[in-house]
């Protein structure tokens, strides 16, 4: 037979209300009563049913963060920002991974539908825009880092088009005209936007787009290595390479180093995300820095505001990015 709160109250010779106040760490309880309750809890082995309590209150004070995988290191700063903002408001952040599977992402959102969490933040969503918009009509859902076209939920990100264009414009300002792009077959919105920024920069500077200079692979460093090899075997080699992530750029530079290419002079390299490896790898990588911590902090703050408001804010907030210039662009 399971021990109930009534059993604890009887053993401590106090009321059920007093036991509840002690368990919820309320201050309006005498030291003697608190000691008696804590002693009874320990002796009886009582475990409070916090989930049941939270469901009765229709509040769990938990937010679910759903990420694609644990392999991308820039998630750590976003999650740190989420956790810090949540703690200030008395919330906890639970973390789960989709394994790049939309069905599993929907399974994880079941925690929101069953009211096991109060809200969910999608980092790298796998479900389509229409599905997420529909779910957002009745549940507290937000997106962070990524955005989706025509998706009607709260979103905190950066202007990836502008960021990609800024990076390529910088390469052009260094006198480079034949600029390669290493991107991904995976059609995430951020990848698409960064590619668009690349093409806009070329067009605005009167540089014809050459599809031979674009390599489609994956987010792994090995894909960057293959991409750089393919580009460097072209009859007219690139004099700069923009990669849509730092890991891809680092893989590309590995090939360049192994073949004696003078990085930062002969060929310039520009990455994206400013992960820790970007300033550990030698030569140090020029890159686009996302305000990861601030994105995580803002998305939780805005999501909690939505939870407590009768009207839901479904705006797209774009935080400023910055260019970090290092050795791979000759800086």
Protein backbone atom coordinates (compact mmCIF):
# COMPACT_ATOMS: atom_id res chain seq x y z
CA UNK A 1 0.00 0.00 0.00
CA UNK A 2 1.41 3.42 -0.97
CA UNK A 3 1.96 6.06 1.69
CA UNK A 4 -0.32 9.10 1.39
CA UNK A 5 -0.07 12.66 2.63
CA UNK A 6 -2.71 11.77 5.21
CA UNK A 7 -0.40 9.09 6.64
CA UNK A 8 2.38 11.69 6.93
CA UNK A 9 0.02 14.14 8.68
CA UNK A 10 -1.07 11.44 11.16
CA UNK A 11 2.50 10.37 11.93
CA UNK A 12 3.63 13.99 12.42
CA UNK A 13 0.49 14.84 14.42
CA UNK A 14 -0.27 17.84 12.16
CA UNK A 15 -2.91 18.69 9.59
CA UNK A 16 -2.71 17.72 5.90
CA UNK A 17 -2.51 21.44 5.10
CA UNK A 18 0.61 21.77 7.27
CA UNK A 19 2.25 18.83 5.50
CA UNK A 20 1.46 20.46 2.16
CA UNK A 21 2.98 23.76 3.28
CA UNK A 22 6.17 22.02 4.41
CA UNK A 23 6.49 20.04 1.16
CA UNK A 24 5.99 23.22 -0.86
CA UNK A 25 8.57 25.04 1.28
CA UNK A 26 6.15 27.67 2.55
CA UNK A 27 7.44 29.88 5.35
CA UNK A 28 4.30 30.05 7.50
CA UNK A 29 5.10 26.81 9.37
CA UNK A 30 6.73 26.50 12.79
CA UNK A 31 10.15 24.91 13.06
CA UNK A 32 8.76 22.13 15.26
CA UNK A 33 6.01 21.29 12.76
CA UNK A 34 8.44 21.33 9.83
CA UNK A 35 10.83 19.03 11.70
CA UNK A 36 8.02 16.63 12.57
CA UNK A 37 6.79 16.50 8.96
CA UNK A 38 10.27 15.97 7.51
CA UNK A 39 10.95 13.23 10.06
CA UNK A 40 7.66 11.48 9.18
CA UNK A 41 8.37 11.77 5.44
CA UNK A 42 11.76 10.13 5.93
CA UNK A 43 10.54 7.37 8.27
CA UNK A 44 7.53 6.48 6.11
CA UNK A 45 9.41 6.79 2.82
CA UNK A 46 6.78 9.14 1.43
CA UNK A 47 7.30 10.45 -2.12
CA UNK A 48 5.10 13.40 -3.11
CA UNK A 49 3.22 13.05 -6.39
CA UNK A 50 4.34 16.35 -7.85
CA UNK A 51 3.08 15.47 -11.34
CA UNK A 52 -0.42 14.83 -10.03
CA UNK A 53 -0.28 18.05 -8.07
CA UNK A 54 0.91 19.98 -11.11
CA UNK A 55 -1.82 18.59 -13.34
CA UNK A 56 -4.48 19.57 -10.82
CA UNK A 57 -3.06 23.07 -10.84
CA UNK A 58 -2.81 22.95 -14.69
CA UNK A 59 0.79 24.05 -14.32
CA UNK A 60 4.04 22.11 -14.22
CA UNK A 61 6.52 25.00 -14.41
CA UNK A 62 8.51 22.98 -16.94
CA UNK A 63 9.52 23.92 -20.47
CA UNK A 64 10.58 21.30 -23.01
CA UNK A 65 13.51 22.14 -25.31
CA UNK A 66 13.54 19.89 -28.37
CA UNK A 67 16.84 19.83 -30.27
CA UNK A 68 17.90 17.89 -33.35
CA UNK A 69 20.90 16.26 -31.66
CA UNK A 70 23.52 16.84 -28.99
CA UNK A 71 26.33 16.95 -31.55
CA UNK A 72 26.05 20.64 -32.47
CA UNK A 73 27.98 22.53 -29.80
CA UNK A 74 26.30 25.91 -30.30
CA UNK A 75 23.15 24.45 -28.74
CA UNK A 76 24.88 24.55 -25.36
CA UNK A 77 24.87 28.36 -25.19
CA UNK A 78 21.25 28.55 -26.35
CA UNK A 79 20.21 26.05 -23.69
CA UNK A 80 22.20 27.93 -21.05
CA UNK A 81 20.28 31.09 -21.92
CA UNK A 82 16.99 29.19 -21.76
CA UNK A 83 17.81 27.68 -18.38
CA UNK A 84 18.90 31.00 -16.88
CA UNK A 85 15.74 32.80 -18.02
CA UNK A 86 13.57 29.89 -16.85
CA UNK A 87 15.18 29.77 -13.40
CA UNK A 88 14.47 33.47 -12.82
CA UNK A 89 10.76 32.74 -13.35
CA UNK A 90 10.77 29.51 -11.32
CA UNK A 91 10.73 27.13 -14.28
CA UNK A 92 12.87 24.14 -15.24
CA UNK A 93 14.00 23.22 -18.77
CA UNK A 94 13.82 19.61 -19.95
CA UNK A 95 15.92 18.66 -23.00
CA UNK A 96 15.08 16.00 -25.59
CA UNK A 97 16.38 15.16 -29.08
CA UNK A 98 14.41 14.42 -32.25
CA UNK A 99 17.08 12.24 -33.88
CA UNK A 100 16.14 14.21 -37.03
CA UNK A 101 12.80 12.38 -37.12
CA UNK A 102 9.54 14.38 -37.41
CA UNK A 103 7.54 11.47 -35.98
CA UNK A 104 9.73 11.45 -32.88
CA UNK A 105 9.41 15.22 -32.62
CA UNK A 106 5.61 14.81 -32.55
CA UNK A 107 6.02 12.06 -29.95
CA UNK A 108 8.04 14.42 -27.74
CA UNK A 109 5.41 17.13 -28.13
CA UNK A 110 3.05 14.63 -26.55
CA UNK A 111 4.52 15.84 -23.25
CA UNK A 112 2.93 19.20 -24.03
CA UNK A 113 -0.40 17.72 -25.08
CA UNK A 114 -0.60 15.63 -21.88
CA UNK A 115 0.31 18.72 -19.82
CA UNK A 116 3.53 17.16 -18.56
CA UNK A 117 5.17 20.46 -19.55
CA UNK A 118 3.75 23.96 -19.90
CA UNK A 119 5.48 24.92 -23.13
CA UNK A 120 7.88 23.66 -25.78
CA UNK A 121 10.70 25.29 -27.76
CA UNK A 122 11.74 23.74 -31.07
CA UNK A 123 15.42 24.20 -32.01
CA UNK A 124 15.78 22.87 -35.53
CA UNK A 125 12.14 21.77 -36.10
CA UNK A 126 11.48 18.68 -38.21
CA UNK A 127 7.71 19.07 -38.52
CA UNK A 128 6.34 21.24 -41.31
CA UNK A 129 5.15 24.81 -40.95
CA UNK A 130 1.45 23.98 -41.27
CA UNK A 131 1.58 21.32 -38.55
CA UNK A 132 3.48 23.52 -36.09
CA UNK A 133 1.14 26.46 -36.75
CA UNK A 134 -1.88 24.26 -36.07
CA UNK A 135 -0.40 22.92 -32.84
CA UNK A 136 0.47 26.46 -31.80
CA UNK A 137 -3.19 27.46 -31.88
CA UNK A 138 -3.88 25.46 -28.72
CA UNK A 139 -0.48 24.97 -27.12
CA UNK A 140 2.46 27.14 -26.03
CA UNK A 141 5.04 26.45 -28.73
CA UNK A 142 7.99 28.57 -29.86
CA UNK A 143 10.93 28.19 -32.22
CA UNK A 144 14.52 29.28 -31.62
CA UNK A 145 17.52 29.55 -34.00
CA UNK A 146 15.49 28.30 -36.96
CA UNK A 147 12.44 29.84 -38.55
CA UNK A 148 9.95 28.35 -40.98
CA UNK A 149 8.23 30.18 -43.79
CA UNK A 150 4.57 30.93 -43.05
CA UNK A 151 4.78 29.44 -39.55
CA UNK A 152 2.53 31.26 -37.09
CA UNK A 153 4.34 30.68 -33.78
CA UNK A 154 6.65 32.77 -31.61
CA UNK A 155 10.14 32.67 -33.15
CA UNK A 156 13.53 34.00 -32.00
CA UNK A 157 16.37 33.83 -34.49
CA UNK A 158 18.75 35.97 -36.55
CA UNK A 159 18.46 37.32 -40.09
CA UNK A 160 20.33 34.46 -41.80
CA UNK A 161 19.95 36.04 -45.23
CA UNK A 162 21.61 39.23 -44.06
CA UNK A 163 24.28 37.30 -42.15
CA UNK A 164 25.20 35.21 -45.19
CA UNK A 165 25.31 38.31 -47.36
CA UNK A 166 27.50 40.16 -44.86
CA UNK A 167 30.01 37.29 -44.79
CA UNK A 168 30.24 37.06 -48.58
CA UNK A 169 30.38 40.84 -48.94
CA UNK A 170 33.39 40.83 -46.65
CA UNK A 171 35.13 38.26 -48.84
CA UNK A 172 34.36 40.43 -51.87
CA UNK A 173 35.76 43.48 -50.05
CA UNK A 174 39.04 41.56 -49.78
CA UNK A 175 39.19 41.41 -53.58
CA UNK A 176 37.74 37.91 -54.01
CA UNK A 177 35.48 37.29 -57.01
CA UNK A 178 35.35 33.51 -57.37
CA UNK A 179 33.70 32.49 -54.10
CA UNK A 180 32.70 28.91 -53.43
CA UNK A 181 29.76 27.87 -51.25
CA UNK A 182 29.65 24.64 -49.22
CA UNK A 183 26.12 23.96 -47.99
CA UNK A 184 23.84 21.03 -47.23
CA UNK A 185 21.38 18.80 -49.03
CA UNK A 186 19.25 19.02 -45.88
CA UNK A 187 16.84 21.88 -46.60
CA UNK A 188 16.65 23.67 -43.27
CA UNK A 189 15.44 27.27 -43.50
CA UNK A 190 18.70 28.64 -42.10
CA UNK A 191 20.69 26.87 -44.83
CA UNK A 192 18.36 28.20 -47.50
CA UNK A 193 18.56 31.73 -46.10
CA UNK A 194 22.37 31.69 -45.92
CA UNK A 195 22.54 30.46 -49.51
CA UNK A 196 20.20 33.28 -50.52
CA UNK A 197 22.48 35.78 -48.77
CA UNK A 198 25.44 34.36 -50.73
CA UNK A 199 23.62 34.83 -54.03
CA UNK A 200 22.40 38.33 -53.13
CA UNK A 201 25.95 39.43 -52.32
CA UNK A 202 27.19 38.15 -55.69
CA UNK A 203 24.37 39.84 -57.57
CA UNK A 204 24.75 43.18 -55.80
CA UNK A 205 28.47 43.19 -56.65
CA UNK A 206 28.00 42.24 -60.29
CA UNK A 207 29.49 38.75 -59.91
CA UNK A 208 27.73 36.09 -62.02
CA UNK A 209 26.41 33.08 -60.10
CA UNK A 210 28.24 29.87 -61.05
CA UNK A 211 26.47 26.70 -59.91
CA UNK A 212 29.73 24.76 -60.22
CA UNK A 213 31.00 26.69 -57.19
CA UNK A 214 28.25 25.29 -54.95
CA UNK A 215 28.75 21.96 -53.17
CA UNK A 216 25.85 20.24 -51.39
CA UNK A 217 26.73 17.84 -48.59
CA UNK A 218 25.93 17.43 -44.89
CA UNK A 219 26.74 19.27 -41.67
CA UNK A 220 29.71 16.99 -40.84
CA UNK A 221 33.33 18.15 -41.14
CA UNK A 222 34.01 15.29 -43.57
CA UNK A 223 31.48 16.82 -45.94
CA UNK A 224 33.41 20.09 -45.84
CA UNK A 225 36.57 18.18 -46.74
CA UNK A 226 34.86 16.58 -49.74
CA UNK A 227 33.37 19.91 -50.75
CA UNK A 228 36.70 21.71 -50.68
CA UNK A 229 38.32 18.91 -52.68
CA UNK A 230 35.58 19.13 -55.33
CA UNK A 231 35.87 22.91 -55.59
CA UNK A 232 39.67 22.86 -55.78
CA UNK A 233 39.57 20.37 -58.65
CA UNK A 234 37.60 22.79 -60.81
CA UNK A 235 39.49 24.21 -63.84
CA UNK A 236 39.02 27.66 -62.31
CA UNK A 237 39.59 27.27 -58.58
CA UNK A 238 37.80 29.46 -56.01
CA UNK A 239 39.77 32.18 -54.24
CA UNK A 240 37.43 32.08 -51.21
CA UNK A 241 34.96 29.62 -49.68
CA UNK A 242 31.91 30.44 -47.56
CA UNK A 243 30.53 27.51 -45.55
CA UNK A 244 27.12 27.59 -43.89
CA UNK A 245 28.53 26.15 -40.65
CA UNK A 246 31.85 26.18 -38.82
CA UNK A 247 32.18 22.39 -38.80
CA UNK A 248 31.86 22.35 -42.58
CA UNK A 249 34.44 25.16 -42.84
CA UNK A 250 36.87 23.32 -40.57
CA UNK A 251 36.54 20.20 -42.71
CA UNK A 252 37.20 22.30 -45.80
CA UNK A 253 40.32 23.81 -44.24
CA UNK A 254 41.59 20.33 -43.37
CA UNK A 255 41.69 19.55 -47.08
CA UNK A 256 43.34 22.88 -47.85
CA UNK A 257 46.06 22.31 -45.25
CA UNK A 258 46.69 18.76 -46.44
CA UNK A 259 47.29 19.99 -50.00
CA UNK A 260 49.48 22.96 -49.12
CA UNK A 261 46.98 25.74 -49.85
CA UNK A 262 47.96 28.98 -48.10
CA UNK A 263 44.82 29.72 -46.06
CA UNK A 264 44.18 33.41 -45.55
CA UNK A 265 46.18 34.38 -48.61
CA UNK A 266 45.70 32.00 -51.52
CA UNK A 267 42.16 31.05 -50.44
CA UNK A 268 40.04 32.77 -47.78
CA UNK A 269 37.61 30.78 -45.60
CA UNK A 270 34.50 32.00 -43.79
CA UNK A 271 32.30 29.91 -41.48
CA UNK A 272 29.09 30.38 -39.54
CA UNK A 273 28.15 30.00 -35.82
CA UNK A 274 31.43 30.81 -34.01
CA UNK A 275 31.57 27.47 -32.23
CA UNK A 276 34.45 26.85 -29.82
CA UNK A 277 36.48 24.96 -32.44
CA UNK A 278 36.50 28.02 -34.70
CA UNK A 279 39.06 29.81 -32.50
CA UNK A 280 40.88 26.64 -31.40
CA UNK A 281 41.55 25.30 -34.90
CA UNK A 282 44.71 26.78 -36.44
CA UNK A 283 44.49 28.93 -38.49
CA UNK A 284 41.67 30.57 -36.54
CA UNK A 285 38.42 30.70 -38.50
CA UNK A 286 36.60 33.89 -39.49
CA UNK A 287 32.91 33.34 -38.90
CA UNK A 288 29.45 34.74 -38.24
CA UNK A 289 28.63 34.88 -34.54
CA UNK A 290 25.07 34.21 -33.46
CA UNK A 291 23.93 35.60 -30.08
CA UNK A 292 23.09 32.06 -28.94
CA UNK A 293 22.72 32.81 -25.22
CA UNK A 294 20.46 35.80 -25.88
CA UNK A 295 18.30 33.83 -28.31
CA UNK A 296 17.72 31.15 -25.69
CA UNK A 297 17.04 33.72 -22.98
CA UNK A 298 14.57 35.72 -25.08
CA UNK A 299 12.60 32.74 -26.36
CA UNK A 300 11.92 31.51 -22.82
CA UNK A 301 11.02 34.99 -21.56
CA UNK A 302 8.58 35.50 -24.43
CA UNK A 303 7.14 32.00 -24.11
CA UNK A 304 6.45 32.44 -20.39
CA UNK A 305 4.77 35.76 -21.18
CA UNK A 306 2.55 33.90 -23.64
CA UNK A 307 1.67 31.32 -20.99
CA UNK A 308 0.40 34.04 -18.70
CA UNK A 309 -1.32 36.18 -21.33
CA UNK A 310 -4.76 35.85 -22.91
CA UNK A 311 -3.32 36.92 -26.27
CA UNK A 312 -0.39 35.00 -27.74
CA UNK A 313 2.62 36.82 -29.22
CA UNK A 314 3.52 35.03 -32.46
CA UNK A 315 6.09 37.52 -33.69
CA UNK A 316 9.45 36.74 -35.29
CA UNK A 317 12.27 38.38 -33.30
CA UNK A 318 15.58 38.69 -35.14
CA UNK A 319 18.60 39.44 -32.95
CA UNK A 320 21.77 41.03 -34.38
CA UNK A 321 24.65 38.90 -35.63
CA UNK A 322 28.29 39.95 -35.94
CA UNK A 323 31.29 39.08 -38.11
CA UNK A 324 34.30 37.67 -36.23
CA UNK A 325 37.39 38.22 -38.35
CA UNK A 326 40.41 35.99 -37.86
CA UNK A 327 43.34 34.45 -39.74
CA UNK A 328 41.41 32.59 -42.44
CA UNK A 329 40.47 35.89 -44.06
CA UNK A 330 43.91 37.39 -43.56
CA UNK A 331 42.91 39.36 -40.44
